[in-house]
C-alpha atoms as a PDB file:
ATOM      1  CA  MET A   1     114.080 133.341 129.952  1.00  0.00           C
ATOM      2  CA  SER A   2     116.242 131.248 132.393  1.00  0.00           C
ATOM      3  CA  LEU A   3     115.452 130.633 135.878  1.00  0.00           C
ATOM      4  CA  PRO A   4     118.652 130.374 137.895  1.00  0.00           C
ATOM      5  CA  ASP A   5     118.501 129.404 141.523  1.00  0.00           C
ATOM      6  CA  SER A   6     118.984 132.157 143.974  1.00  0.00           C
ATOM      7  CA  PRO A   7     122.452 132.732 145.336  1.00  0.00           C
ATOM      8  CA  SER A   8     121.490 131.253 148.889  1.00  0.00           C
ATOM      9  CA  GLY A   9     120.257 128.199 147.232  1.00  0.00           C
ATOM     10  CA  ASP A  10     116.753 128.843 148.439  1.00  0.00           C
ATOM     11  CA  PRO A  11     113.931 128.882 146.058  1.00  0.00           C
ATOM     12  CA  PRO A  12     113.384 132.466 144.462  1.00  0.00           C
ATOM     13  CA  SER A  13     110.617 134.523 145.735  1.00  0.00           C
ATOM     14  CA  THR A  14     107.545 134.852 143.674  1.00  0.00           C
ATOM     15  CA  ARG A  15     107.064 138.484 144.360  1.00  0.00           C
ATOM     16  CA  PRO A  16     106.820 140.574 141.156  1.00  0.00           C
ATOM     17  CA  GLU A  17     109.253 143.436 140.772  1.00  0.00           C
ATOM     18  CA  LEU A  18     109.279 146.269 138.127  1.00  0.00           C
ATOM     19  CA  ARG A  19     112.822 147.333 136.957  1.00  0.00           C
ATOM     20  CA  ARG A  20     113.193 150.301 134.778  1.00  0.00           C
ATOM     21  CA  THR A  21     116.051 151.407 132.446  1.00  0.00           C
ATOM     22  CA  ARG A  22     116.208 154.468 130.284  1.00  0.00           C
ATOM     23  CA  ASP A  23     114.307 152.732 127.476  1.00  0.00           C
ATOM     24  CA  ALA A  24     112.639 149.666 128.984  1.00  0.00           C
ATOM     25  CA  LEU A  25     110.296 148.448 131.787  1.00  0.00           C
ATOM     26  CA  THR A  26     110.861 144.702 132.903  1.00  0.00           C
ATOM     27  CA  LEU A  27     108.986 142.399 135.057  1.00  0.00           C
ATOM     28  CA  GLN A  28     111.077 140.122 137.160  1.00  0.00           C
ATOM     29  CA  PHE A  29     110.596 138.070 140.374  1.00  0.00           C
ATOM     30  CA  ALA A  30     112.475 138.999 143.521  1.00  0.00           C
ATOM     31  CA  GLY A  31     115.587 136.906 143.910  1.00  0.00           C
ATOM     32  CA  SER A  32     115.655 135.782 140.192  1.00  0.00           C
ATOM     33  CA  ALA A  33     117.604 137.129 137.345  1.00  0.00           C
ATOM     34  CA  ALA A  34     115.007 135.937 134.799  1.00  0.00           C
ATOM     35  CA  VAL A  35     113.206 138.471 132.693  1.00  0.00           C
ATOM     36  CA  GLN A  36     109.507 137.593 132.660  1.00  0.00           C
ATOM     37  CA  SER A  37     108.333 140.514 130.601  1.00  0.00           C
ATOM     38  CA  SER A  38     109.901 143.531 128.867  1.00  0.00           C
ATOM     39  CA  MET A  39     108.400 146.559 127.335  1.00  0.00           C
ATOM     40  CA  SER A  40     109.991 149.282 125.283  1.00  0.00           C
ATOM     41  CA  LEU A  41     108.924 152.640 126.587  1.00  0.00           C
ATOM     42  CA  LEU A  42     109.244 154.053 122.956  1.00  0.00           C
ATOM     43  CA  ASN A  43     107.004 151.230 121.551  1.00  0.00           C
ATOM     44  CA  PRO A  44     104.830 149.695 124.285  1.00  0.00           C
ATOM     45  CA  TYR A  45     103.174 147.368 121.976  1.00  0.00           C
ATOM     46  CA  ALA A  46     106.213 145.825 120.436  1.00  0.00           C
ATOM     47  CA  LEU A  47     106.946 142.236 121.214  1.00  0.00           C
ATOM     48  CA  GLU A  48     110.488 142.568 122.685  1.00  0.00           C
ATOM     49  CA  LEU A  49     111.366 139.084 123.620  1.00  0.00           C
ATOM     50  CA  ASP A  50     111.965 136.459 120.991  1.00  0.00           C
ATOM     51  CA  TYR A  51     109.768 133.774 122.562  1.00  0.00           C
ATOM     52  CA  THR A  52     106.643 135.964 122.554  1.00  0.00           C
ATOM     53  CA  ARG A  53     107.057 136.489 118.655  1.00  0.00           C
ATOM     54  CA  LEU A  54     107.383 132.778 118.321  1.00  0.00           C
ATOM     55  CA  MET A  55     104.185 132.093 120.404  1.00  0.00           C
ATOM     56  CA  MET A  56     102.327 134.310 117.967  1.00  0.00           C
ATOM     57  CA  GLY A  57     103.042 131.789 115.277  1.00  0.00           C
ATOM     58  CA  PHE A  58      99.616 130.552 115.578  1.00  0.00           C
ATOM     59  CA  LEU A  59      98.560 133.066 113.070  1.00  0.00           C
ATOM     60  CA  LEU A  60     100.152 130.886 110.410  1.00  0.00           C
ATOM     61  CA  PHE A  61      97.403 128.299 111.118  1.00  0.00           C
ATOM     62  CA  ASP A  62      94.614 130.535 112.094  1.00  0.00           C
ATOM     63  CA  SER A  63      94.961 134.253 111.233  1.00  0.00           C
ATOM     64  CA  ALA A  64      91.637 135.348 112.617  1.00  0.00           C
ATOM     65  CA  PRO A  65      90.752 133.514 115.798  1.00  0.00           C
ATOM     66  CA  ARG A  66      87.311 134.050 117.164  1.00  0.00           C
ATOM     67  CA  ARG A  67      88.333 133.357 120.876  1.00  0.00           C
ATOM     68  CA  MET A  68      91.467 133.361 122.785  1.00  0.00           C
ATOM     69  CA  LEU A  69      92.325 132.128 126.065  1.00  0.00           C
ATOM     70  CA  MET A  70      95.574 132.927 127.708  1.00  0.00           C
ATOM     71  CA  ILE A  71      97.004 131.246 130.925  1.00  0.00           C
ATOM     72  CA  GLY A  72      99.299 133.730 132.516  1.00  0.00           C
ATOM     73  CA  LEU A  73      99.432 137.510 132.302  1.00  0.00           C
ATOM     74  CA  GLY A  74     102.937 138.533 133.243  1.00  0.00           C
ATOM     75  CA  GLY A  75     103.677 141.969 131.674  1.00  0.00           C
ATOM     76  CA  GLY A  76     100.974 141.460 129.147  1.00  0.00           C
ATOM     77  CA  SER A  77     102.968 141.696 126.097  1.00  0.00           C
ATOM     78  CA  LEU A  78     100.987 138.970 124.274  1.00  0.00           C
ATOM     79  CA  ALA A  79      97.684 140.128 125.662  1.00  0.00           C
ATOM     80  CA  LYS A  80      98.029 143.819 124.551  1.00  0.00           C
ATOM     81  CA  PHE A  81      99.453 142.774 121.140  1.00  0.00           C
ATOM     82  CA  CYS A  82      96.572 140.535 120.428  1.00  0.00           C
ATOM     83  CA  HIS A  83      94.050 143.104 121.692  1.00  0.00           C
ATOM     84  CA  ARG A  84      95.623 145.820 119.378  1.00  0.00           C
ATOM     85  CA  TYR A  85      96.188 143.675 116.267  1.00  0.00           C
ATOM     86  CA  LEU A  86      93.307 141.217 116.414  1.00  0.00           C
ATOM     87  CA  PRO A  87      90.281 143.381 116.753  1.00  0.00           C
ATOM     88  CA  GLY A  88      87.824 140.805 115.837  1.00  0.00           C
ATOM     89  CA  THR A  89      89.128 138.296 118.625  1.00  0.00           C
ATOM     90  CA  SER A  90      87.574 137.852 122.040  1.00  0.00           C
ATOM     91  CA  ILE A  91      90.308 137.547 124.643  1.00  0.00           C
ATOM     92  CA  ASP A  92      90.336 136.228 128.135  1.00  0.00           C
ATOM     93  CA  VAL A  93      93.570 136.280 130.145  1.00  0.00           C
ATOM     94  CA  VAL A  94      93.704 134.186 133.449  1.00  0.00           C
ATOM     95  CA  GLU A  95      96.395 135.222 136.030  1.00  0.00           C
ATOM     96  CA  ILE A  96      96.553 133.610 139.487  1.00  0.00           C
ATOM     97  CA  ASP A  97      98.740 136.358 141.094  1.00  0.00           C
ATOM     98  CA  PRO A  98      96.994 139.596 142.106  1.00  0.00           C
ATOM     99  CA  GLU A  99     100.283 141.530 142.482  1.00  0.00           C
ATOM    100  CA  VAL A 100     100.969 140.764 138.827  1.00  0.00           C
ATOM    101  CA  ILE A 101      97.389 141.873 137.806  1.00  0.00           C
ATOM    102  CA  ALA A 102      98.117 145.069 139.801  1.00  0.00           C
ATOM    103  CA  LEU A 103     100.958 145.948 137.470  1.00  0.00           C
ATOM    104  CA  ARG A 104      98.706 145.816 134.281  1.00  0.00           C
ATOM    105  CA  ASP A 105      98.635 149.733 134.110  1.00  0.00           C
ATOM    106  CA  ALA A 106     102.232 150.116 134.199  1.00  0.00           C
ATOM    107  CA  PHE A 107     102.558 147.710 131.088  1.00  0.00           C
ATOM    108  CA  HIS A 108      99.701 149.417 129.251  1.00  0.00           C
ATOM    109  CA  VAL A 109      97.608 146.314 129.394  1.00  0.00           C
ATOM    110  CA  PRO A 110      94.187 147.686 128.257  1.00  0.00           C
ATOM    111  CA  PRO A 111      91.166 147.825 130.480  1.00  0.00           C
ATOM    112  CA  ASP A 112      88.617 145.177 130.559  1.00  0.00           C
ATOM    113  CA  ASP A 113      85.930 145.775 127.756  1.00  0.00           C
ATOM    114  CA  GLY A 114      83.419 143.709 125.779  1.00  0.00           C
ATOM    115  CA  ARG A 115      86.106 141.560 124.166  1.00  0.00           C
ATOM    116  CA  PHE A 116      89.027 141.705 126.751  1.00  0.00           C
ATOM    117  CA  ARG A 117      89.098 140.443 130.236  1.00  0.00           C
ATOM    118  CA  VAL A 118      91.786 139.843 132.771  1.00  0.00           C
ATOM    119  CA  ILE A 119      90.525 136.944 135.077  1.00  0.00           C
ATOM    120  CA  ALA A 120      91.893 136.705 138.622  1.00  0.00           C
ATOM    121  CA  ALA A 121      91.891 132.925 138.951  1.00  0.00           C
ATOM    122  CA  ASP A 122      94.066 129.638 139.007  1.00  0.00           C
ATOM    123  CA  GLY A 123      94.452 128.751 135.376  1.00  0.00           C
ATOM    124  CA  ARG A 124      94.288 125.003 136.016  1.00  0.00           C
ATOM    125  CA  LEU A 125      91.101 125.372 137.827  1.00  0.00           C
ATOM    126  CA  TYR A 126      89.604 127.576 135.504  1.00  0.00           C
ATOM    127  CA  LEU A 127      90.106 125.198 132.494  1.00  0.00           C
ATOM    128  CA  GLN A 128      88.111 122.659 134.335  1.00  0.00           C
ATOM    129  CA  GLU A 129      85.207 124.633 134.329  1.00  0.00           C
ATOM    130  CA  PRO A 130      82.381 123.338 131.877  1.00  0.00           C
ATOM    131  CA  ARG A 131      82.407 125.201 128.511  1.00  0.00           C
ATOM    132  CA  ALA A 132      81.022 124.279 125.102  1.00  0.00           C
ATOM    133  CA  GLY A 133      80.263 125.893 121.726  1.00  0.00           C
ATOM    134  CA  ALA A 134      81.172 129.671 121.580  1.00  0.00           C
ATOM    135  CA  ASP A 135      83.018 129.339 124.957  1.00  0.00           C
ATOM    136  CA  LEU A 136      85.846 126.989 123.447  1.00  0.00           C
ATOM    137  CA  ALA A 137      88.992 128.464 122.632  1.00  0.00           C
ATOM    138  CA  ASP A 138      90.338 128.756 119.054  1.00  0.00           C
ATOM    139  CA  VAL A 139      93.807 129.532 120.380  1.00  0.00           C
ATOM    140  CA  LEU A 140      94.980 128.682 123.743  1.00  0.00           C
ATOM    141  CA  LEU A 141      98.312 130.276 124.974  1.00  0.00           C
ATOM    142  CA  VAL A 142     100.003 128.855 128.198  1.00  0.00           C
ATOM    143  CA  ASP A 143     102.960 131.147 129.488  1.00  0.00           C
ATOM    144  CA  ALA A 144     102.644 130.761 133.253  1.00  0.00           C
ATOM    145  CA  TYR A 145     105.801 131.253 135.372  1.00  0.00           C
ATOM    146  CA  ASP A 146     106.791 132.530 138.678  1.00  0.00           C
ATOM    147  CA  GLY A 147     109.994 132.843 140.396  1.00  0.00           C
ATOM    148  CA  ARG A 148     110.289 129.185 140.764  1.00  0.00           C
ATOM    149  CA  GLY A 149     109.402 128.349 137.145  1.00  0.00           C
ATOM    150  CA  MET A 150     106.400 126.772 135.656  1.00  0.00           C
ATOM    151  CA  PRO A 151     104.061 125.514 138.433  1.00  0.00           C
ATOM    152  CA  PRO A 152     104.080 121.798 138.557  1.00  0.00           C
ATOM    153  CA  ALA A 153     100.376 121.323 138.104  1.00  0.00           C
ATOM    154  CA  LEU A 154     100.718 123.072 134.706  1.00  0.00           C
ATOM    155  CA  CYS A 155     103.207 120.217 133.469  1.00  0.00           C
ATOM    156  CA  GLU A 156     100.930 117.372 134.395  1.00  0.00           C
ATOM    157  CA  ARG A 157      99.228 115.310 131.632  1.00  0.00           C
ATOM    158  CA  ALA A 158      95.799 116.153 133.295  1.00  0.00           C
ATOM    159  CA  PHE A 159      96.324 119.821 132.698  1.00  0.00           C
ATOM    160  CA  PHE A 160      96.995 119.279 129.002  1.00  0.00           C
ATOM    161  CA  GLU A 161      94.015 117.096 128.638  1.00  0.00           C
ATOM    162  CA  ASP A 162      92.031 119.946 130.063  1.00  0.00           C
ATOM    163  CA  CYS A 163      93.703 122.079 127.606  1.00  0.00           C
ATOM    164  CA  ARG A 164      92.428 120.006 124.877  1.00  0.00           C
ATOM    165  CA  THR A 165      88.848 119.845 126.164  1.00  0.00           C
ATOM    166  CA  ALA A 166      88.793 123.634 126.264  1.00  0.00           C
ATOM    167  CA  MET A 167      89.737 124.020 122.672  1.00  0.00           C
ATOM    168  CA  SER A 168      87.355 124.105 119.649  1.00  0.00           C
ATOM    169  CA  SER A 169      87.513 121.358 117.162  1.00  0.00           C
ATOM    170  CA  GLU A 170      90.446 122.914 115.296  1.00  0.00           C
ATOM    171  CA  GLY A 171      91.779 124.683 118.331  1.00  0.00           C
ATOM    172  CA  ILE A 172      95.587 125.470 118.612  1.00  0.00           C
ATOM    173  CA  LEU A 173      97.454 125.255 121.778  1.00  0.00           C
ATOM    174  CA  VAL A 174     100.707 127.113 122.259  1.00  0.00           C
ATOM    175  CA  VAL A 175     103.043 126.390 125.352  1.00  0.00           C
ATOM    176  CA  ASN A 176     106.074 128.227 126.339  1.00  0.00           C
ATOM    177  CA  LEU A 177     108.587 125.726 128.026  1.00  0.00           C
ATOM    178  CA  HIS A 178     111.987 126.437 129.362  1.00  0.00           C
ATOM    179  CA  PHE A 179     114.400 124.179 127.358  1.00  0.00           C
ATOM    180  CA  GLU A 180     116.973 124.033 130.157  1.00  0.00           C
ATOM    181  CA  SER A 181     114.489 123.238 132.897  1.00  0.00           C
ATOM    182  CA  ALA A 182     114.575 119.635 134.444  1.00  0.00           C
ATOM    183  CA  THR A 183     110.733 119.662 133.862  1.00  0.00           C
ATOM    184  CA  TYR A 184     111.020 120.314 130.140  1.00  0.00           C
ATOM    185  CA  PRO A 185     111.294 116.636 128.899  1.00  0.00           C
ATOM    186  CA  VAL A 186     108.405 115.661 131.235  1.00  0.00           C
ATOM    187  CA  CYS A 187     106.244 118.422 129.997  1.00  0.00           C
ATOM    188  CA  LEU A 188     106.889 117.732 126.345  1.00  0.00           C
ATOM    189  CA  ALA A 189     106.264 113.890 126.888  1.00  0.00           C
ATOM    190  CA  HIS A 190     102.778 114.778 128.470  1.00  0.00           C
ATOM    191  CA  LEU A 191     102.073 116.988 125.582  1.00  0.00           C
ATOM    192  CA  ARG A 192     102.908 114.248 122.988  1.00  0.00           C
ATOM    193  CA  GLU A 193     100.709 111.703 124.997  1.00  0.00           C
ATOM    194  CA  VAL A 194      97.625 114.073 124.656  1.00  0.00           C
ATOM    195  CA  PHE A 195      98.074 115.569 121.174  1.00  0.00           C
ATOM    196  CA  GLY A 196      99.978 112.841 119.359  1.00  0.00           C
ATOM    197  CA  ALA A 197     101.173 113.694 115.932  1.00  0.00           C
ATOM    198  CA  SER A 198      99.472 117.041 115.942  1.00  0.00           C
ATOM    199  CA  LEU A 199     102.380 118.708 117.644  1.00  0.00           C
ATOM    200  CA  PHE A 200     105.779 120.279 116.845  1.00  0.00           C
ATOM    201  CA  GLU A 201     108.206 122.556 118.793  1.00  0.00           C
ATOM    202  CA  VAL A 202     110.428 125.523 117.911  1.00  0.00           C
ATOM    203  CA  VAL A 203     113.452 126.124 119.957  1.00  0.00           C
ATOM    204  CA  ASP A 204     114.554 129.791 119.914  1.00  0.00           C
ATOM    205  CA  ASP A 205     118.150 130.752 118.738  1.00  0.00           C
ATOM    206  CA  ASP A 206     119.603 131.015 122.195  1.00  0.00           C
ATOM    207  CA  MET A 207     118.342 127.554 123.123  1.00  0.00           C
ATOM    208  CA  THR A 208     116.313 128.957 126.079  1.00  0.00           C
ATOM    209  CA  ASN A 209     112.693 128.632 125.230  1.00  0.00           C
ATOM    210  CA  SER A 210     110.873 125.643 123.545  1.00  0.00           C
ATOM    211  CA  ILE A 211     107.538 126.805 121.957  1.00  0.00           C
ATOM    212  CA  VAL A 212     105.278 123.812 121.515  1.00  0.00           C
ATOM    213  CA  PHE A 213     102.287 124.113 118.971  1.00  0.00           C
ATOM    214  CA  ALA A 214      99.606 121.478 119.256  1.00  0.00           C
ATOM    215  CA  ARG A 215      96.390 121.174 117.333  1.00  0.00           C
ATOM    216  CA  LYS A 216      93.110 119.463 118.400  1.00  0.00           C
ATOM    217  CA  GLY A 217      92.532 118.562 114.873  1.00  0.00           C
ATOM    218  CA  GLU A 218      94.636 116.931 112.086  1.00  0.00           C
ATOM    219  CA  PRO A 219      98.605 117.271 112.254  1.00  0.00           C
ATOM    220  CA  PHE A 220     100.077 120.298 110.754  1.00  0.00           C
ATOM    221  CA  ASP A 221     101.235 118.616 107.699  1.00  0.00           C
ATOM    222  CA  ASP A 222      98.517 120.219 105.382  1.00  0.00           C
ATOM    223  CA  VAL A 223      99.576 123.867 106.017  1.00  0.00           C
ATOM    224  CA  ASP A 224     100.238 125.864 102.931  1.00  0.00           C
ATOM    225  CA  LEU A 225     103.329 127.732 104.373  1.00  0.00           C
ATOM    226  CA  ALA A 226     103.798 129.992 101.366  1.00  0.00           C
ATOM    227  CA  ALA A 227     100.376 131.127 101.636  1.00  0.00           C
ATOM    228  CA  ALA A 228     100.380 131.415 105.514  1.00  0.00           C
ATOM    229  CA  LEU A 229     103.486 133.655 105.374  1.00  0.00           C
ATOM    230  CA  ARG A 230     101.555 136.347 103.251  1.00  0.00           C
ATOM    231  CA  LYS A 231     100.270 139.137 105.524  1.00  0.00           C
ATOM    232  CA  PRO A 232      96.583 138.760 106.275  1.00  0.00           C
ATOM    233  CA  ALA A 233      94.523 141.580 104.734  1.00  0.00           C
ATOM    234  CA  ALA A 234      93.347 142.630 108.397  1.00  0.00           C
ATOM    235  CA  MET A 235      96.931 142.718 109.909  1.00  0.00           C
ATOM    236  CA  ALA A 236      98.615 145.772 110.347  1.00  0.00           C
ATOM    237  CA  LYS A 237     102.008 146.197 108.512  1.00  0.00           C
ATOM    238  CA  ASP A 238     103.935 147.196 111.734  1.00  0.00           C
ATOM    239  CA  ALA A 239     102.787 144.142 113.427  1.00  0.00           C
ATOM    240  CA  TRP A 240     103.458 141.758 110.597  1.00  0.00           C
ATOM    241  CA  ARG A 241     107.017 143.013 110.161  1.00  0.00           C
ATOM    242  CA  GLN A 242     107.778 142.332 113.791  1.00  0.00           C
ATOM    243  CA  LEU A 243     106.560 138.680 113.350  1.00  0.00           C
ATOM    244  CA  LEU A 244     107.822 137.698 109.971  1.00  0.00           C
ATOM    245  CA  PRO A 245     111.489 136.835 110.675  1.00  0.00           C
ATOM    246  CA  THR A 246     110.204 134.602 113.468  1.00  0.00           C
ATOM    247  CA  PHE A 247     107.410 133.057 111.212  1.00  0.00           C
ATOM    248  CA  ARG A 248     110.216 132.212 108.871  1.00  0.00           C
ATOM    249  CA  LEU A 249     111.897 130.032 111.575  1.00  0.00           C
ATOM    250  CA  ILE A 250     108.692 128.319 112.204  1.00  0.00           C
ATOM    251  CA  GLU A 251     108.445 127.518 108.395  1.00  0.00           C
ATOM    252  CA  ALA A 252     112.027 126.212 108.359  1.00  0.00           C
ATOM    253  CA  THR A 253     111.086 123.813 111.482  1.00  0.00           C
ATOM    254  CA  LEU A 254     108.054 122.486 109.762  1.00  0.00           C
ATOM    255  CA  THR A 255     109.678 122.017 106.478  1.00  0.00           C
ATOM    256  CA  LEU A 256     112.796 120.065 107.893  1.00  0.00           C
ATOM    257  CA  ARG A 257     110.960 117.913 110.329  1.00  0.00           C
END
């Protein structure tokens, strides 16, 4: 995803819009050419955008997280994929924009149930709420954008410190950054300040998205990648087939760094 300025030079609107083609439904913001989310009408649960498959790379390090927290719903690609293919995982998705939440049915986002919730709240403030024990996240995904890009508050060191506090002892944070954004080096620097050596990034093939993986525990050096690339017994074959090519990119990144 890229976030070009509007033709007038004014900041893009943050009003979400649905755009439909013969075989896909996309979420964009008025005045912006950036595709925030894309859903195949033939296979609504497929991860259509490369960066979403990269973000699922946390499975290489925790194939069966107990609790997930997502900041940003968008079109719900990651939320519904995890709900469908990680049946043992409790998932909370925090989304600040009620107009985005109102589109959940169009994107086949599942209804709230005993292990899945969409919470209307400011993700930054939500992370500051006290939590401990079973409420800590084993996996925390941050993919929060509007028509102007990533909100500045979600690029501050304090936000990433709050992320770390909300994670379990071996919790994994995955953040989607725009590689070409002026805020990218600042966000990455703040992540490094908070997580130190327990961090690496993978840039997608078109140099648009940088996916940062950070761990609250030890660095990722101890990962048995050969074992991690084997399909977990509980994972459906169709899901693993989608993810494996992207996981090999993560493997190469870790091997070469």
